Amino acid sequence: MNLTADTTSPAETPPGNTGRIVVKVLDAHNCTGDLGIALFNEKHGFPGEVEHAFRKGGLHEIGDSNFYVFEEVPYGIYAVSVIHDESCCGQLHKNCFGIPKEGVGTSNNPHFFFGPPSFDSASFELKSEEVEIEVHLKYLCS
């Protein structure tokens, strides 16, 4: 995941129709590496193809609870995906079966067994000045 900051210009959205999405990331196994956070506004590419994300961001310091804020986001339906990039290489490591070797999580924390969660299971609506979501990281390969 590319860990670039949220750089969308406020002029791109009409005033009064935007809010903040506060992402709280929990359950990191350690403080090593980065957290990559992607905000999607459509199913295409969710959760792992971050080049299709509406916005991307990240945190370079990891603690017990971690906050990232997407500012001036137009009201609508969104889903968030998070990776714990322990090696700081900018991408998610997977085993030979495609199962992530690093921590992953999505908004709504849906259960998933055979493949990644769907956009619908992770989606939420931004329709007020602020919404806070919690993403609990899961480590599928230990």
C-alpha atoms as a PDB file:
ATOM      1  CA  MET A   1       0.000   0.000   0.000  1.00  0.00           C
ATOM      2  CA  ASN A   2       1.360   3.396  -0.926  1.00  0.00           C
ATOM      3  CA  LEU A   3       1.490   5.505   2.225  1.00  0.00           C
ATOM      4  CA  THR A   4       0.774   8.965   0.870  1.00  0.00           C
ATOM      5  CA  ALA A   5      -1.103  11.576   2.847  1.00  0.00           C
ATOM      6  CA  ASP A   6      -4.682  12.665   2.196  1.00  0.00           C
ATOM      7  CA  THR A   7      -3.987  15.460  -0.291  1.00  0.00           C
ATOM      8  CA  THR A   8      -7.378  16.158  -1.856  1.00  0.00           C
ATOM      9  CA  SER A   9      -8.024  19.862  -2.263  1.00  0.00           C
ATOM     10  CA  PRO A  10     -10.994  21.335  -0.338  1.00  0.00           C
ATOM     11  CA  ALA A  11     -12.061  23.123  -3.545  1.00  0.00           C
ATOM     12  CA  GLU A  12     -12.999  19.767  -5.093  1.00  0.00           C
ATOM     13  CA  THR A  13     -16.187  19.396  -3.033  1.00  0.00           C
ATOM     14  CA  PRO A  14     -19.039  21.839  -2.315  1.00  0.00           C
ATOM     15  CA  PRO A  15     -18.957  23.379   1.191  1.00  0.00           C
ATOM     16  CA  GLY A  16     -21.469  22.027   3.694  1.00  0.00           C
ATOM     17  CA  ASN A  17     -21.728  18.630   2.041  1.00  0.00           C
ATOM     18  CA  THR A  18     -18.546  17.221   3.501  1.00  0.00           C
ATOM     19  CA  GLY A  19     -17.473  15.628   6.734  1.00  0.00           C
ATOM     20  CA  ARG A  20     -14.563  13.947   8.467  1.00  0.00           C
ATOM     21  CA  ILE A  21     -13.949  10.236   8.677  1.00  0.00           C
ATOM     22  CA  VAL A  22     -11.938   9.341  11.767  1.00  0.00           C
ATOM     23  CA  VAL A  23     -10.384   5.892  11.465  1.00  0.00           C
ATOM     24  CA  LYS A  24      -9.305   4.273  14.738  1.00  0.00           C
ATOM     25  CA  VAL A  25      -7.042   1.264  14.154  1.00  0.00           C
ATOM     26  CA  LEU A  26      -6.775  -1.250  16.992  1.00  0.00           C
ATOM     27  CA  ASP A  27      -5.058  -4.549  17.788  1.00  0.00           C
ATOM     28  CA  ALA A  28      -1.682  -4.056  16.093  1.00  0.00           C
ATOM     29  CA  HIS A  29       0.565  -6.933  17.208  1.00  0.00           C
ATOM     30  CA  ASN A  30       3.565  -4.633  17.486  1.00  0.00           C
ATOM     31  CA  CYS A  31       4.780  -1.084  16.854  1.00  0.00           C
ATOM     32  CA  THR A  32       6.991  -2.051  13.900  1.00  0.00           C
ATOM     33  CA  GLY A  33       6.326  -0.639  10.443  1.00  0.00           C
ATOM     34  CA  ASP A  34       3.512   1.497   9.059  1.00  0.00           C
ATOM     35  CA  LEU A  35      -0.256   1.425   8.818  1.00  0.00           C
ATOM     36  CA  GLY A  36      -1.604   1.909   5.304  1.00  0.00           C
ATOM     37  CA  ILE A  37      -5.182   3.195   5.215  1.00  0.00           C
ATOM     38  CA  ALA A  38      -7.337   3.355   2.077  1.00  0.00           C
ATOM     39  CA  LEU A  39     -10.782   4.946   1.698  1.00  0.00           C
ATOM     40  CA  PHE A  40     -12.949   3.497  -1.064  1.00  0.00           C
ATOM     41  CA  ASN A  41     -16.167   4.998  -2.453  1.00  0.00           C
ATOM     42  CA  GLU A  42     -16.986   2.056  -4.736  1.00  0.00           C
ATOM     43  CA  LYS A  43     -16.636  -1.731  -4.920  1.00  0.00           C
ATOM     44  CA  HIS A  44     -13.988  -1.692  -7.644  1.00  0.00           C
ATOM     45  CA  GLY A  45     -10.643  -2.647  -6.106  1.00  0.00           C
ATOM     46  CA  PHE A  46     -11.832  -3.005  -2.518  1.00  0.00           C
ATOM     47  CA  PRO A  47     -10.099  -3.939  -0.279  1.00  0.00           C
ATOM     48  CA  GLY A  48      -6.640  -4.622  -1.677  1.00  0.00           C
ATOM     49  CA  GLU A  49      -6.217  -2.676  -4.917  1.00  0.00           C
ATOM     50  CA  VAL A  50      -5.408   0.656  -3.302  1.00  0.00           C
ATOM     51  CA  GLU A  51      -4.650   2.280  -6.648  1.00  0.00           C
ATOM     52  CA  HIS A  52      -8.457   2.395  -7.032  1.00  0.00           C
ATOM     53  CA  ALA A  53      -9.037   3.983  -3.610  1.00  0.00           C
ATOM     54  CA  PHE A  54     -10.780   7.343  -3.362  1.00  0.00           C
ATOM     55  CA  ARG A  55      -8.111   8.506  -0.886  1.00  0.00           C
ATOM     56  CA  LYS A  56      -5.070   6.963   0.795  1.00  0.00           C
ATOM     57  CA  GLY A  57      -3.125   7.750   3.921  1.00  0.00           C
ATOM     58  CA  GLY A  58      -1.013   6.179   6.570  1.00  0.00           C
ATOM     59  CA  LEU A  59       0.646   6.320   9.937  1.00  0.00           C
ATOM     60  CA  HIS A  60       4.360   5.865  10.529  1.00  0.00           C
ATOM     61  CA  GLU A  61       4.136   5.580  14.321  1.00  0.00           C
ATOM     62  CA  ILE A  62       2.027   2.746  15.721  1.00  0.00           C
ATOM     63  CA  GLY A  63       0.681   2.528  19.262  1.00  0.00           C
ATOM     64  CA  ASP A  64      -2.132   0.800  21.161  1.00  0.00           C
ATOM     65  CA  SER A  65      -4.768   2.856  19.365  1.00  0.00           C
ATOM     66  CA  ASN A  66      -4.065   4.772  16.185  1.00  0.00           C
ATOM     67  CA  PHE A  67      -6.087   7.555  14.560  1.00  0.00           C
ATOM     68  CA  TYR A  68      -6.116   8.783  10.981  1.00  0.00           C
ATOM     69  CA  VAL A  69      -8.509  11.472   9.737  1.00  0.00           C
ATOM     70  CA  PHE A  70      -9.799  11.922   6.198  1.00  0.00           C
ATOM     71  CA  GLU A  71     -10.873  15.587   5.990  1.00  0.00           C
ATOM     72  CA  GLU A  72     -13.546  17.194   3.805  1.00  0.00           C
ATOM     73  CA  VAL A  73     -14.960  13.969   2.414  1.00  0.00           C
ATOM     74  CA  PRO A  74     -18.175  14.354   0.377  1.00  0.00           C
ATOM     75  CA  TYR A  75     -21.227  12.748   1.967  1.00  0.00           C
ATOM     76  CA  GLY A  76     -21.749   9.236   0.642  1.00  0.00           C
ATOM     77  CA  ILE A  77     -21.082   5.527   1.095  1.00  0.00           C
ATOM     78  CA  TYR A  78     -17.512   4.432   1.903  1.00  0.00           C
ATOM     79  CA  ALA A  79     -15.432   1.506   3.118  1.00  0.00           C
ATOM     80  CA  VAL A  80     -11.959   1.522   4.671  1.00  0.00           C
ATOM     81  CA  SER A  81      -9.182  -1.042   4.376  1.00  0.00           C
ATOM     82  CA  VAL A  82      -6.061  -1.101   6.549  1.00  0.00           C
ATOM     83  CA  ILE A  83      -2.808  -3.038   6.373  1.00  0.00           C
ATOM     84  CA  HIS A  84      -0.051  -3.276   8.948  1.00  0.00           C
ATOM     85  CA  ASP A  85       3.007  -3.017   6.712  1.00  0.00           C
ATOM     86  CA  GLU A  86       5.518  -4.375   9.215  1.00  0.00           C
ATOM     87  CA  SER A  87       8.396  -4.355   6.715  1.00  0.00           C
ATOM     88  CA  CYS A  88       7.725  -0.774   5.486  1.00  0.00           C
ATOM     89  CA  CYS A  89       7.962  -1.948   1.878  1.00  0.00           C
ATOM     90  CA  GLY A  90       4.708  -0.350   0.734  1.00  0.00           C
ATOM     91  CA  GLN A  91       2.854  -3.554  -0.082  1.00  0.00           C
ATOM     92  CA  LEU A  92       1.099  -6.411   1.644  1.00  0.00           C
ATOM     93  CA  HIS A  93       3.040  -9.670   1.914  1.00  0.00           C
ATOM     94  CA  LYS A  94       1.022 -12.833   1.195  1.00  0.00           C
ATOM     95  CA  ASN A  95       1.773 -16.546   1.420  1.00  0.00           C
ATOM     96  CA  CYS A  96       1.637 -18.912  -1.562  1.00  0.00           C
ATOM     97  CA  PHE A  97      -2.143 -19.234  -1.151  1.00  0.00           C
ATOM     98  CA  GLY A  98      -2.694 -15.454  -1.241  1.00  0.00           C
ATOM     99  CA  ILE A  99      -3.375 -15.172   2.493  1.00  0.00           C
ATOM    100  CA  PRO A 100      -1.938 -11.983   4.031  1.00  0.00           C
ATOM    101  CA  LYS A 101       1.142 -12.494   6.228  1.00  0.00           C
ATOM    102  CA  GLU A 102       0.657  -9.055   7.810  1.00  0.00           C
ATOM    103  CA  GLY A 103      -2.252  -7.547   9.706  1.00  0.00           C
ATOM    104  CA  VAL A 104      -5.327  -6.520   7.720  1.00  0.00           C
ATOM    105  CA  GLY A 105      -8.694  -5.043   8.581  1.00  0.00           C
ATOM    106  CA  THR A 106     -11.717  -3.277   7.159  1.00  0.00           C
ATOM    107  CA  SER A 107     -14.460  -1.021   8.407  1.00  0.00           C
ATOM    108  CA  ASN A 108     -17.330  -2.821  10.201  1.00  0.00           C
ATOM    109  CA  ASN A 109     -14.892  -5.646  11.003  1.00  0.00           C
ATOM    110  CA  PRO A 110     -16.833  -8.295   9.033  1.00  0.00           C
ATOM    111  CA  HIS A 111     -15.965 -11.974   9.422  1.00  0.00           C
ATOM    112  CA  PHE A 112     -14.285 -13.427   6.375  1.00  0.00           C
ATOM    113  CA  PHE A 113     -13.134 -16.955   5.698  1.00  0.00           C
ATOM    114  CA  PHE A 114     -12.814 -17.611   1.960  1.00  0.00           C
ATOM    115  CA  GLY A 115     -11.406 -14.427   0.527  1.00  0.00           C
ATOM    116  CA  PRO A 116     -11.499 -10.787   1.501  1.00  0.00           C
ATOM    117  CA  PRO A 117     -14.626  -9.041   2.793  1.00  0.00           C
ATOM    118  CA  SER A 118     -16.935  -7.367   0.302  1.00  0.00           C
ATOM    119  CA  PHE A 119     -17.423  -3.620  -0.060  1.00  0.00           C
ATOM    120  CA  ASP A 120     -21.046  -4.054   1.035  1.00  0.00           C
ATOM    121  CA  SER A 121     -20.070  -5.814   4.274  1.00  0.00           C
ATOM    122  CA  ALA A 122     -17.562  -3.076   5.117  1.00  0.00           C
ATOM    123  CA  SER A 123     -19.485  -0.015   3.911  1.00  0.00           C
ATOM    124  CA  PHE A 124     -20.823   2.810   6.059  1.00  0.00           C
ATOM    125  CA  GLU A 125     -22.476   6.144   5.340  1.00  0.00           C
ATOM    126  CA  LEU A 126     -20.989   9.568   5.918  1.00  0.00           C
ATOM    127  CA  LYS A 127     -23.941  11.934   6.317  1.00  0.00           C
ATOM    128  CA  SER A 128     -22.849  14.235   9.152  1.00  0.00           C
ATOM    129  CA  GLU A 129     -19.896  16.409  10.097  1.00  0.00           C
ATOM    130  CA  GLU A 130     -17.975  13.437  11.506  1.00  0.00           C
ATOM    131  CA  VAL A 131     -18.107   9.690  11.696  1.00  0.00           C
ATOM    132  CA  GLU A 132     -15.661   7.558  13.682  1.00  0.00           C
ATOM    133  CA  ILE A 133     -15.038   3.957  12.730  1.00  0.00           C
ATOM    134  CA  GLU A 134     -12.935   1.301  14.418  1.00  0.00           C
ATOM    135  CA  VAL A 135     -10.894  -1.203  12.452  1.00  0.00           C
ATOM    136  CA  HIS A 136      -9.552  -4.207  14.338  1.00  0.00           C
ATOM    137  CA  LEU A 137      -6.501  -5.699  12.648  1.00  0.00           C
ATOM    138  CA  LYS A 138      -6.496  -9.464  12.056  1.00  0.00           C
ATOM    139  CA  TYR A 139      -3.363 -11.536  11.571  1.00  0.00           C
ATOM    140  CA  LEU A 140      -4.315 -14.560   9.501  1.00  0.00           C
ATOM    141  CA  CYS A 141      -0.870 -16.211   9.221  1.00  0.00           C
ATOM    142  CA  SER A 142       1.207 -16.370  12.365  1.00  0.00           C
END
